[in-house]
PDB file of N, CA and C in Angstrom:
ATOM      1  N   MET A   1     -22.665   1.685  -4.519  1.00  0.00           N
ATOM      2  CA  MET A   1     -21.562   2.605  -4.412  1.00  0.00           C
ATOM      3  C   MET A   1     -20.279   1.827  -4.140  1.00  0.00           C
ATOM      4  N   SER A   2     -19.155   2.361  -4.624  1.00  0.00           N
ATOM      5  CA  SER A   2     -17.886   1.667  -4.480  1.00  0.00           C
ATOM      6  C   SER A   2     -17.314   1.837  -3.075  1.00  0.00           C
ATOM      7  N   LYS A   3     -16.305   1.030  -2.774  1.00  0.00           N
ATOM      8  CA  LYS A   3     -15.626   1.107  -1.486  1.00  0.00           C
ATOM      9  C   LYS A   3     -14.806   2.398  -1.463  1.00  0.00           C
ATOM     10  N   ILE A   4     -15.079   3.275  -0.504  1.00  0.00           N
ATOM     11  CA  ILE A   4     -14.412   4.569  -0.440  1.00  0.00           C
ATOM     12  C   ILE A   4     -13.008   4.394   0.131  1.00  0.00           C
ATOM     13  N   LYS A   5     -12.004   4.801  -0.650  1.00  0.00           N
ATOM     14  CA  LYS A   5     -10.620   4.683  -0.220  1.00  0.00           C
ATOM     15  C   LYS A   5     -10.024   6.034   0.136  1.00  0.00           C
ATOM     16  N   ILE A   6     -10.797   7.109  -0.075  1.00  0.00           N
ATOM     17  CA  ILE A   6     -10.323   8.459   0.207  1.00  0.00           C
ATOM     18  C   ILE A   6     -11.251   9.092   1.230  1.00  0.00           C
ATOM     19  N   LYS A   7     -10.663   9.752   2.234  1.00  0.00           N
ATOM     20  CA  LYS A   7     -11.444  10.352   3.308  1.00  0.00           C
ATOM     21  C   LYS A   7     -11.209  11.853   3.360  1.00  0.00           C
ATOM     22  N   LYS A   8     -12.055  12.530   4.109  1.00  0.00           N
ATOM     23  CA  LYS A   8     -11.909  13.966   4.312  1.00  0.00           C
ATOM     24  C   LYS A   8     -10.577  14.242   5.015  1.00  0.00           C
ATOM     25  N   GLY A   9      -9.856  15.242   4.516  1.00  0.00           N
ATOM     26  CA  GLY A   9      -8.574  15.607   5.110  1.00  0.00           C
ATOM     27  C   GLY A   9      -7.372  14.965   4.435  1.00  0.00           C
ATOM     28  N   ASP A  10      -7.582  13.965   3.584  1.00  0.00           N
ATOM     29  CA  ASP A  10      -6.472  13.316   2.880  1.00  0.00           C
ATOM     30  C   ASP A  10      -5.858  14.270   1.865  1.00  0.00           C
ATOM     31  N   GLU A  11      -4.550  14.166   1.666  1.00  0.00           N
ATOM     32  CA  GLU A  11      -3.854  14.926   0.629  1.00  0.00           C
ATOM     33  C   GLU A  11      -3.892  14.095  -0.645  1.00  0.00           C
ATOM     34  N   VAL A  12      -4.411  14.679  -1.737  1.00  0.00           N
ATOM     35  CA  VAL A  12      -4.554  13.951  -2.994  1.00  0.00           C
ATOM     36  C   VAL A  12      -3.875  14.712  -4.126  1.00  0.00           C
ATOM     37  N   VAL A  13      -3.610  13.972  -5.224  1.00  0.00           N
ATOM     38  CA  VAL A  13      -3.069  14.533  -6.453  1.00  0.00           C
ATOM     39  C   VAL A  13      -4.110  14.295  -7.541  1.00  0.00           C
ATOM     40  N   VAL A  14      -4.389  15.313  -8.351  1.00  0.00           N
ATOM     41  CA  VAL A  14      -5.318  15.171  -9.471  1.00  0.00           C
ATOM     42  C   VAL A  14      -4.569  14.503 -10.610  1.00  0.00           C
ATOM     43  N   ILE A  15      -5.139  13.416 -11.172  1.00  0.00           N
ATOM     44  CA  ILE A  15      -4.440  12.657 -12.218  1.00  0.00           C
ATOM     45  C   ILE A  15      -5.053  12.839 -13.596  1.00  0.00           C
ATOM     46  N   ALA A  16      -6.187  13.555 -13.699  1.00  0.00           N
ATOM     47  CA  ALA A  16      -6.819  13.770 -14.998  1.00  0.00           C
ATOM     48  C   ALA A  16      -7.590  15.075 -14.982  1.00  0.00           C
ATOM     49  N   GLY A  17      -7.730  15.669 -16.153  1.00  0.00           N
ATOM     50  CA  GLY A  17      -8.517  16.891 -16.275  1.00  0.00           C
ATOM     51  C   GLY A  17      -7.644  18.130 -16.354  1.00  0.00           C
ATOM     52  N   LYS A  18      -8.296  19.302 -16.304  1.00  0.00           N
ATOM     53  CA  LYS A  18      -7.576  20.568 -16.495  1.00  0.00           C
ATOM     54  C   LYS A  18      -6.631  20.892 -15.350  1.00  0.00           C
ATOM     55  N   ASP A  19      -6.838  20.304 -14.173  1.00  0.00           N
ATOM     56  CA  ASP A  19      -5.977  20.553 -13.014  1.00  0.00           C
ATOM     57  C   ASP A  19      -5.022  19.397 -12.748  1.00  0.00           C
ATOM     58  N   LYS A  20      -4.688  18.632 -13.769  1.00  0.00           N
ATOM     59  CA  LYS A  20      -3.817  17.471 -13.614  1.00  0.00           C
ATOM     60  C   LYS A  20      -2.483  17.878 -13.000  1.00  0.00           C
ATOM     61  N   GLY A  21      -2.049  17.119 -11.967  1.00  0.00           N
ATOM     62  CA  GLY A  21      -0.785  17.376 -11.307  1.00  0.00           C
ATOM     63  C   GLY A  21      -0.896  18.240 -10.068  1.00  0.00           C
ATOM     64  N   ARG A  22      -2.042  18.893  -9.856  1.00  0.00           N
ATOM     65  CA  ARG A  22      -2.191  19.761  -8.682  1.00  0.00           C
ATOM     66  C   ARG A  22      -2.534  18.942  -7.453  1.00  0.00           C
ATOM     67  N   ARG A  23      -2.064  19.439  -6.287  1.00  0.00           N
ATOM     68  CA  ARG A  23      -2.310  18.762  -5.022  1.00  0.00           C
ATOM     69  C   ARG A  23      -3.232  19.593  -4.161  1.00  0.00           C
ATOM     70  N   GLY A  24      -3.991  18.906  -3.303  1.00  0.00           N
ATOM     71  CA  GLY A  24      -4.852  19.601  -2.359  1.00  0.00           C
ATOM     72  C   GLY A  24      -5.443  18.628  -1.370  1.00  0.00           C
ATOM     73  N   ALA A  25      -6.059  19.171  -0.332  1.00  0.00           N
ATOM     74  CA  ALA A  25      -6.692  18.342   0.698  1.00  0.00           C
ATOM     75  C   ALA A  25      -8.160  18.150   0.347  1.00  0.00           C
ATOM     76  N   ILE A  26      -8.704  17.007   0.728  1.00  0.00           N
ATOM     77  CA  ILE A  26     -10.119  16.720   0.510  1.00  0.00           C
ATOM     78  C   ILE A  26     -10.932  17.527   1.521  1.00  0.00           C
ATOM     79  N   LEU A  27     -11.860  18.347   1.022  1.00  0.00           N
ATOM     80  CA  LEU A  27     -12.741  19.125   1.888  1.00  0.00           C
ATOM     81  C   LEU A  27     -13.999  18.352   2.244  1.00  0.00           C
ATOM     82  N   LYS A  28     -14.508  17.564   1.280  1.00  0.00           N
ATOM     83  CA  LYS A  28     -15.760  16.845   1.489  1.00  0.00           C
ATOM     84  C   LYS A  28     -15.858  15.699   0.491  1.00  0.00           C
ATOM     85  N   VAL A  29     -16.390  14.565   0.934  1.00  0.00           N
ATOM     86  CA  VAL A  29     -16.668  13.428   0.054  1.00  0.00           C
ATOM     87  C   VAL A  29     -18.175  13.375  -0.139  1.00  0.00           C
ATOM     88  N   LEU A  30     -18.620  13.480  -1.392  1.00  0.00           N
ATOM     89  CA  LEU A  30     -20.046  13.501  -1.696  1.00  0.00           C
ATOM     90  C   LEU A  30     -20.556  12.098  -2.001  1.00  0.00           C
ATOM     91  N   ASP A  31     -21.884  11.928  -1.984  1.00  0.00           N
ATOM     92  CA  ASP A  31     -22.494  10.606  -2.152  1.00  0.00           C
ATOM     93  C   ASP A  31     -22.330  10.032  -3.556  1.00  0.00           C
ATOM     94  N   ASN A  32     -22.240  10.887  -4.572  1.00  0.00           N
ATOM     95  CA  ASN A  32     -22.233  10.400  -5.951  1.00  0.00           C
ATOM     96  C   ASN A  32     -20.814  10.180  -6.481  1.00  0.00           C
ATOM     97  N   ASP A  33     -19.923   9.631  -5.646  1.00  0.00           N
ATOM     98  CA  ASP A  33     -18.526   9.331  -6.012  1.00  0.00           C
ATOM     99  C   ASP A  33     -17.769  10.563  -6.474  1.00  0.00           C
ATOM    100  N   ARG A  34     -18.036  11.697  -5.852  1.00  0.00           N
ATOM    101  CA  ARG A  34     -17.326  12.928  -6.171  1.00  0.00           C
ATOM    102  C   ARG A  34     -16.731  13.507  -4.893  1.00  0.00           C
ATOM    103  N   VAL A  35     -15.662  14.270  -5.058  1.00  0.00           N
ATOM    104  CA  VAL A  35     -14.993  14.880  -3.916  1.00  0.00           C
ATOM    105  C   VAL A  35     -14.727  16.356  -4.201  1.00  0.00           C
ATOM    106  N   LEU A  36     -14.694  17.148  -3.129  1.00  0.00           N
ATOM    107  CA  LEU A  36     -14.280  18.549  -3.211  1.00  0.00           C
ATOM    108  C   LEU A  36     -12.830  18.612  -2.772  1.00  0.00           C
ATOM    109  N   VAL A  37     -11.958  19.127  -3.651  1.00  0.00           N
ATOM    110  CA  VAL A  37     -10.540  19.230  -3.346  1.00  0.00           C
ATOM    111  C   VAL A  37     -10.200  20.709  -3.201  1.00  0.00           C
ATOM    112  N   GLU A  38      -9.437  21.038  -2.165  1.00  0.00           N
ATOM    113  CA  GLU A  38      -9.083  22.418  -1.852  1.00  0.00           C
ATOM    114  C   GLU A  38      -8.293  23.052  -2.996  1.00  0.00           C
ATOM    115  N   ASN A  39      -8.783  24.193  -3.505  1.00  0.00           N
ATOM    116  CA  ASN A  39      -8.147  24.987  -4.569  1.00  0.00           C
ATOM    117  C   ASN A  39      -7.948  24.215  -5.874  1.00  0.00           C
ATOM    118  N   VAL A  40      -8.817  23.253  -6.164  1.00  0.00           N
ATOM    119  CA  VAL A  40      -8.769  22.501  -7.419  1.00  0.00           C
ATOM    120  C   VAL A  40     -10.149  22.556  -8.051  1.00  0.00           C
ATOM    121  N   ASN A  41     -10.202  22.665  -9.387  1.00  0.00           N
ATOM    122  CA  ASN A  41     -11.450  22.718 -10.148  1.00  0.00           C
ATOM    123  C   ASN A  41     -12.282  23.929  -9.731  1.00  0.00           C
ATOM    124  N   MET A  42     -11.640  25.094  -9.748  1.00  0.00           N
ATOM    125  CA  MET A  42     -12.281  26.337  -9.334  1.00  0.00           C
ATOM    126  C   MET A  42     -13.183  26.873 -10.443  1.00  0.00           C
ATOM    127  N   MET A  43     -14.274  27.540 -10.034  1.00  0.00           N
ATOM    128  CA  MET A  43     -15.159  28.221 -10.973  1.00  0.00           C
ATOM    129  C   MET A  43     -15.557  29.561 -10.385  1.00  0.00           C
ATOM    130  N   LYS A  44     -15.971  30.463 -11.243  1.00  0.00           N
ATOM    131  CA  LYS A  44     -16.415  31.772 -10.788  1.00  0.00           C
ATOM    132  C   LYS A  44     -17.933  31.765 -10.687  1.00  0.00           C
ATOM    133  N   LYS A  45     -18.449  32.215  -9.549  1.00  0.00           N
ATOM    134  CA  LYS A  45     -19.896  32.274  -9.323  1.00  0.00           C
ATOM    135  C   LYS A  45     -20.273  33.727  -9.091  1.00  0.00           C
ATOM    136  N   HIS A  46     -21.272  34.182  -9.832  1.00  0.00           N
ATOM    137  CA  HIS A  46     -21.776  35.547  -9.667  1.00  0.00           C
ATOM    138  C   HIS A  46     -22.820  35.536  -8.561  1.00  0.00           C
ATOM    139  N   VAL A  47     -22.569  36.331  -7.504  1.00  0.00           N
ATOM    140  CA  VAL A  47     -23.440  36.333  -6.334  1.00  0.00           C
ATOM    141  C   VAL A  47     -24.182  37.665  -6.282  1.00  0.00           C
ATOM    142  N   ARG A  48     -25.492  37.580  -6.120  1.00  0.00           N
ATOM    143  CA  ARG A  48     -26.323  38.768  -6.012  1.00  0.00           C
ATOM    144  C   ARG A  48     -26.261  39.292  -4.578  1.00  0.00           C
ATOM    145  N   PRO A  49     -26.189  40.603  -4.396  1.00  0.00           N
ATOM    146  CA  PRO A  49     -26.134  41.124  -3.021  1.00  0.00           C
ATOM    147  C   PRO A  49     -27.456  40.930  -2.292  1.00  0.00           C
ATOM    148  N   ASN A  50     -27.347  40.632  -1.007  1.00  0.00           N
ATOM    149  CA  ASN A  50     -28.532  40.456  -0.158  1.00  0.00           C
ATOM    150  C   ASN A  50     -28.282  41.229   1.142  1.00  0.00           C
ATOM    151  N   PRO A  51     -28.788  42.453   1.222  1.00  0.00           N
ATOM    152  CA  PRO A  51     -28.518  43.260   2.413  1.00  0.00           C
ATOM    153  C   PRO A  51     -29.124  42.681   3.688  1.00  0.00           C
ATOM    154  N   ASN A  52     -30.222  41.948   3.572  1.00  0.00           N
ATOM    155  CA  ASN A  52     -30.852  41.354   4.756  1.00  0.00           C
ATOM    156  C   ASN A  52     -29.955  40.306   5.402  1.00  0.00           C
ATOM    157  N   ALA A  53     -29.259  39.529   4.587  1.00  0.00           N
ATOM    158  CA  ALA A  53     -28.369  38.491   5.110  1.00  0.00           C
ATOM    159  C   ALA A  53     -26.944  39.009   5.278  1.00  0.00           C
ATOM    160  N   GLY A  54     -26.682  40.240   4.868  1.00  0.00           N
ATOM    161  CA  GLY A  54     -25.343  40.801   4.994  1.00  0.00           C
ATOM    162  C   GLY A  54     -24.371  40.283   3.959  1.00  0.00           C
ATOM    163  N   VAL A  55     -24.888  39.834   2.797  1.00  0.00           N
ATOM    164  CA  VAL A  55     -24.045  39.286   1.737  1.00  0.00           C
ATOM    165  C   VAL A  55     -23.785  40.378   0.712  1.00  0.00           C
ATOM    166  N   THR A  56     -22.506  40.641   0.434  1.00  0.00           N
ATOM    167  CA  THR A  56     -22.172  41.601  -0.606  1.00  0.00           C
ATOM    168  C   THR A  56     -22.122  40.875  -1.940  1.00  0.00           C
ATOM    169  N   GLY A  57     -22.496  41.556  -2.998  1.00  0.00           N
ATOM    170  CA  GLY A  57     -22.499  40.951  -4.327  1.00  0.00           C
ATOM    171  C   GLY A  57     -21.114  40.944  -4.924  1.00  0.00           C
ATOM    172  N   GLY A  58     -20.965  40.224  -6.018  1.00  0.00           N
ATOM    173  CA  GLY A  58     -19.690  40.181  -6.721  1.00  0.00           C
ATOM    174  C   GLY A  58     -19.436  38.810  -7.315  1.00  0.00           C
ATOM    175  N   ILE A  59     -18.197  38.600  -7.701  1.00  0.00           N
ATOM    176  CA  ILE A  59     -17.794  37.326  -8.301  1.00  0.00           C
ATOM    177  C   ILE A  59     -16.957  36.572  -7.280  1.00  0.00           C
ATOM    178  N   VAL A  60     -17.372  35.346  -6.970  1.00  0.00           N
ATOM    179  CA  VAL A  60     -16.724  34.522  -5.948  1.00  0.00           C
ATOM    180  C   VAL A  60     -16.123  33.287  -6.605  1.00  0.00           C
ATOM    181  N   ASP A  61     -14.881  32.939  -6.216  1.00  0.00           N
ATOM    182  CA  ASP A  61     -14.269  31.675  -6.661  1.00  0.00           C
ATOM    183  C   ASP A  61     -14.696  30.574  -5.713  1.00  0.00           C
ATOM    184  N   LYS A  62     -15.122  29.436  -6.262  1.00  0.00           N
ATOM    185  CA  LYS A  62     -15.480  28.306  -5.409  1.00  0.00           C
ATOM    186  C   LYS A  62     -15.089  27.005  -6.091  1.00  0.00           C
ATOM    187  N   GLU A  63     -14.852  25.976  -5.256  1.00  0.00           N
ATOM    188  CA  GLU A  63     -14.502  24.663  -5.784  1.00  0.00           C
ATOM    189  C   GLU A  63     -15.771  23.944  -6.221  1.00  0.00           C
ATOM    190  N   ILE A  64     -15.671  23.197  -7.311  1.00  0.00           N
ATOM    191  CA  ILE A  64     -16.772  22.327  -7.709  1.00  0.00           C
ATOM    192  C   ILE A  64     -16.260  20.892  -7.656  1.00  0.00           C
ATOM    193  N   PRO A  65     -17.157  19.931  -7.451  1.00  0.00           N
ATOM    194  CA  PRO A  65     -16.721  18.544  -7.249  1.00  0.00           C
ATOM    195  C   PRO A  65     -16.008  17.947  -8.465  1.00  0.00           C
ATOM    196  N   ILE A  66     -15.087  17.042  -8.174  1.00  0.00           N
ATOM    197  CA  ILE A  66     -14.354  16.294  -9.197  1.00  0.00           C
ATOM    198  C   ILE A  66     -14.588  14.808  -8.914  1.00  0.00           C
ATOM    199  N   HIS A  67     -14.638  13.986  -9.953  1.00  0.00           N
ATOM    200  CA  HIS A  67     -14.911  12.565  -9.753  1.00  0.00           C
ATOM    201  C   HIS A  67     -13.761  11.908  -9.003  1.00  0.00           C
ATOM    202  N   ILE A  68     -14.108  10.956  -8.147  1.00  0.00           N
ATOM    203  CA  ILE A  68     -13.123  10.316  -7.272  1.00  0.00           C
ATOM    204  C   ILE A  68     -12.084   9.511  -8.061  1.00  0.00           C
ATOM    205  N   SER A  69     -12.436   9.099  -9.288  1.00  0.00           N
ATOM    206  CA  SER A  69     -11.483   8.345 -10.101  1.00  0.00           C
ATOM    207  C   SER A  69     -10.388   9.234 -10.677  1.00  0.00           C
ATOM    208  N   ASN A  70     -10.559  10.548 -10.591  1.00  0.00           N
ATOM    209  CA  ASN A  70      -9.564  11.477 -11.123  1.00  0.00           C
ATOM    210  C   ASN A  70      -8.571  11.965 -10.071  1.00  0.00           C
ATOM    211  N   VAL A  71      -8.607  11.387  -8.867  1.00  0.00           N
ATOM    212  CA  VAL A  71      -7.652  11.755  -7.830  1.00  0.00           C
ATOM    213  C   VAL A  71      -7.000  10.501  -7.258  1.00  0.00           C
ATOM    214  N   MET A  72      -5.756  10.664  -6.786  1.00  0.00           N
ATOM    215  CA  MET A  72      -5.021   9.591  -6.119  1.00  0.00           C
ATOM    216  C   MET A  72      -4.478  10.126  -4.810  1.00  0.00           C
ATOM    217  N   LEU A  73      -4.414   9.285  -3.809  1.00  0.00           N
ATOM    218  CA  LEU A  73      -3.855   9.677  -2.522  1.00  0.00           C
ATOM    219  C   LEU A  73      -2.362   9.953  -2.681  1.00  0.00           C
ATOM    220  N   PHE A  74      -1.885  11.056  -2.096  1.00  0.00           N
ATOM    221  CA  PHE A  74      -0.484  11.453  -2.217  1.00  0.00           C
ATOM    222  C   PHE A  74       0.353  10.683  -1.212  1.00  0.00           C
ATOM    223  N   ASN A  75       1.421  10.038  -1.719  1.00  0.00           N
ATOM    224  CA  ASN A  75       2.350   9.292  -0.879  1.00  0.00           C
ATOM    225  C   ASN A  75       3.555  10.186  -0.597  1.00  0.00           C
ATOM    226  N   PRO A  76       3.757  10.629   0.668  1.00  0.00           N
ATOM    227  CA  PRO A  76       4.867  11.539   0.964  1.00  0.00           C
ATOM    228  C   PRO A  76       6.250  10.913   0.800  1.00  0.00           C
ATOM    229  N   VAL A  77       6.346   9.596   0.843  1.00  0.00           N
ATOM    230  CA  VAL A  77       7.644   8.928   0.706  1.00  0.00           C
ATOM    231  C   VAL A  77       8.092   8.953  -0.754  1.00  0.00           C
ATOM    232  N   THR A  78       7.204   8.578  -1.678  1.00  0.00           N
ATOM    233  CA  THR A  78       7.558   8.531  -3.093  1.00  0.00           C
ATOM    234  C   THR A  78       7.300   9.855  -3.794  1.00  0.00           C
ATOM    235  N   LYS A  79       6.601  10.793  -3.137  1.00  0.00           N
ATOM    236  CA  LYS A  79       6.245  12.104  -3.686  1.00  0.00           C
ATOM    237  C   LYS A  79       5.384  11.991  -4.948  1.00  0.00           C
ATOM    238  N   LYS A  80       4.524  10.955  -5.004  1.00  0.00           N
ATOM    239  CA  LYS A  80       3.632  10.739  -6.143  1.00  0.00           C
ATOM    240  C   LYS A  80       2.272  10.291  -5.627  1.00  0.00           C
ATOM    241  N   GLY A  81       1.304  10.216  -6.549  1.00  0.00           N
ATOM    242  CA  GLY A  81       0.024   9.618  -6.214  1.00  0.00           C
ATOM    243  C   GLY A  81       0.181   8.116  -6.139  1.00  0.00           C
ATOM    244  N   ASP A  82      -0.588   7.470  -5.266  1.00  0.00           N
ATOM    245  CA  ASP A  82      -0.410   6.032  -5.073  1.00  0.00           C
ATOM    246  C   ASP A  82      -1.760   5.350  -4.898  1.00  0.00           C
ATOM    247  N   ARG A  83      -1.794   4.073  -5.256  1.00  0.00           N
ATOM    248  CA  ARG A  83      -3.006   3.284  -5.056  1.00  0.00           C
ATOM    249  C   ARG A  83      -3.106   2.859  -3.595  1.00  0.00           C
ATOM    250  N   ILE A  84      -4.335   2.543  -3.171  1.00  0.00           N
ATOM    251  CA  ILE A  84      -4.610   2.235  -1.772  1.00  0.00           C
ATOM    252  C   ILE A  84      -5.174   0.822  -1.661  1.00  0.00           C
ATOM    253  N   GLY A  85      -4.769   0.134  -0.606  1.00  0.00           N
ATOM    254  CA  GLY A  85      -5.335  -1.167  -0.276  1.00  0.00           C
ATOM    255  C   GLY A  85      -5.764  -1.174   1.177  1.00  0.00           C
ATOM    256  N   PHE A  86      -6.454  -2.230   1.580  1.00  0.00           N
ATOM    257  CA  PHE A  86      -6.892  -2.382   2.967  1.00  0.00           C
ATOM    258  C   PHE A  86      -6.233  -3.599   3.573  1.00  0.00           C
ATOM    259  N   ARG A  87      -5.910  -3.508   4.874  1.00  0.00           N
ATOM    260  CA  ARG A  87      -5.246  -4.600   5.573  1.00  0.00           C
ATOM    261  C   ARG A  87      -5.712  -4.586   7.028  1.00  0.00           C
ATOM    262  N   LYS A  88      -5.768  -5.764   7.650  1.00  0.00           N
ATOM    263  CA  LYS A  88      -6.078  -5.845   9.086  1.00  0.00           C
ATOM    264  C   LYS A  88      -4.777  -5.999   9.843  1.00  0.00           C
ATOM    265  N   LEU A  89      -4.640  -5.215  10.919  1.00  0.00           N
ATOM    266  CA  LEU A  89      -3.454  -5.314  11.772  1.00  0.00           C
ATOM    267  C   LEU A  89      -3.634  -6.426  12.793  1.00  0.00           C
ATOM    268  N   GLU A  90      -2.590  -6.688  13.569  1.00  0.00           N
ATOM    269  CA  GLU A  90      -2.639  -7.761  14.572  1.00  0.00           C
ATOM    270  C   GLU A  90      -3.706  -7.492  15.627  1.00  0.00           C
ATOM    271  N   ASP A  91      -3.919  -6.210  15.955  1.00  0.00           N
ATOM    272  CA  ASP A  91      -4.916  -5.880  16.978  1.00  0.00           C
ATOM    273  C   ASP A  91      -6.335  -5.844  16.422  1.00  0.00           C
ATOM    274  N   GLY A  92      -6.519  -6.175  15.131  1.00  0.00           N
ATOM    275  CA  GLY A  92      -7.859  -6.274  14.545  1.00  0.00           C
ATOM    276  C   GLY A  92      -8.341  -5.017  13.849  1.00  0.00           C
ATOM    277  N   ARG A  93      -7.552  -3.925  13.866  1.00  0.00           N
ATOM    278  CA  ARG A  93      -7.971  -2.697  13.192  1.00  0.00           C
ATOM    279  C   ARG A  93      -7.795  -2.834  11.689  1.00  0.00           C
ATOM    280  N   LYS A  94      -8.734  -2.273  10.931  1.00  0.00           N
ATOM    281  CA  LYS A  94      -8.651  -2.257   9.479  1.00  0.00           C
ATOM    282  C   LYS A  94      -8.044  -0.923   9.073  1.00  0.00           C
ATOM    283  N   VAL A  95      -6.915  -0.962   8.357  1.00  0.00           N
ATOM    284  CA  VAL A  95      -6.208   0.258   7.980  1.00  0.00           C
ATOM    285  C   VAL A  95      -5.959   0.281   6.476  1.00  0.00           C
ATOM    286  N   ARG A  96      -5.723   1.496   5.960  1.00  0.00           N
ATOM    287  CA  ARG A  96      -5.357   1.669   4.559  1.00  0.00           C
ATOM    288  C   ARG A  96      -3.837   1.659   4.443  1.00  0.00           C
ATOM    289  N   PHE A  97      -3.329   1.143   3.309  1.00  0.00           N
ATOM    290  CA  PHE A  97      -1.886   1.159   3.088  1.00  0.00           C
ATOM    291  C   PHE A  97      -1.603   1.476   1.629  1.00  0.00           C
ATOM    292  N   PHE A  98      -0.409   2.053   1.378  1.00  0.00           N
ATOM    293  CA  PHE A  98       0.008   2.349   0.016  1.00  0.00           C
ATOM    294  C   PHE A  98       0.462   1.064  -0.652  1.00  0.00           C
ATOM    295  N   ARG A  99       0.019   0.844  -1.890  1.00  0.00           N
ATOM    296  CA  ARG A  99       0.365  -0.380  -2.602  1.00  0.00           C
ATOM    297  C   ARG A  99       1.841  -0.442  -2.990  1.00  0.00           C
ATOM    298  N   SER A 100       2.473   0.709  -3.243  1.00  0.00           N
ATOM    299  CA  SER A 100       3.844   0.697  -3.766  1.00  0.00           C
ATOM    300  C   SER A 100       4.867   0.289  -2.696  1.00  0.00           C
ATOM    301  N   ASN A 101       4.749   0.852  -1.482  1.00  0.00           N
ATOM    302  CA  ASN A 101       5.758   0.549  -0.459  1.00  0.00           C
ATOM    303  C   ASN A 101       5.185  -0.098   0.789  1.00  0.00           C
ATOM    304  N   LYS A 102       3.910  -0.498   0.752  1.00  0.00           N
ATOM    305  CA  LYS A 102       3.230  -1.221   1.843  1.00  0.00           C
ATOM    306  C   LYS A 102       3.202  -0.446   3.152  1.00  0.00           C
ATOM    307  N   GLU A 103       3.373   0.890   3.097  1.00  0.00           N
ATOM    308  CA  GLU A 103       3.349   1.706   4.294  1.00  0.00           C
ATOM    309  C   GLU A 103       1.916   2.053   4.666  1.00  0.00           C
ATOM    310  N   VAL A 104       1.611   2.033   5.970  1.00  0.00           N
ATOM    311  CA  VAL A 104       0.254   2.260   6.454  1.00  0.00           C
ATOM    312  C   VAL A 104      -0.067   3.751   6.406  1.00  0.00           C
ATOM    313  N   VAL A 105      -1.274   4.085   5.901  1.00  0.00           N
ATOM    314  CA  VAL A 105      -1.727   5.472   5.829  1.00  0.00           C
ATOM    315  C   VAL A 105      -2.313   5.896   7.160  1.00  0.00           C
ATOM    316  N   ASP A 106      -3.219   5.121   7.702  1.00  0.00           N
ATOM    317  CA  ASP A 106      -3.879   5.436   8.971  1.00  0.00           C
ATOM    318  C   ASP A 106      -3.061   4.874  10.122  1.00  0.00           C
ATOM    319  N   VAL A 107      -2.613   5.753  10.989  1.00  0.00           N
ATOM    320  CA  VAL A 107      -1.788   5.290  12.112  1.00  0.00           C
ATOM    321  C   VAL A 107      -2.587   5.270  13.392  1.00  0.00           C
TER     322      VAL A 107
END
């Protein structure tokens, strides 16, 4: 598996596919190099009612995973998606930084 540069809670921009240009927060990072992005790559799921569990039937919108190569971390300074690198600080912590302006992501 590749080195994960995107974490849960990060704001990302979709760079490929039907939702190209949309922004959202990462809800979950899956094992197979896929991520769930909030309100991106939505699909309709038909749900059968289950009175025992208290589930009403109908059509539900839900996010489906998108490949991690199709998203970029959003840089609030440049207002665009940006590449990520890793750097060690003086105190020994390993942090992520934006490649374009060398600003640290993790504070």
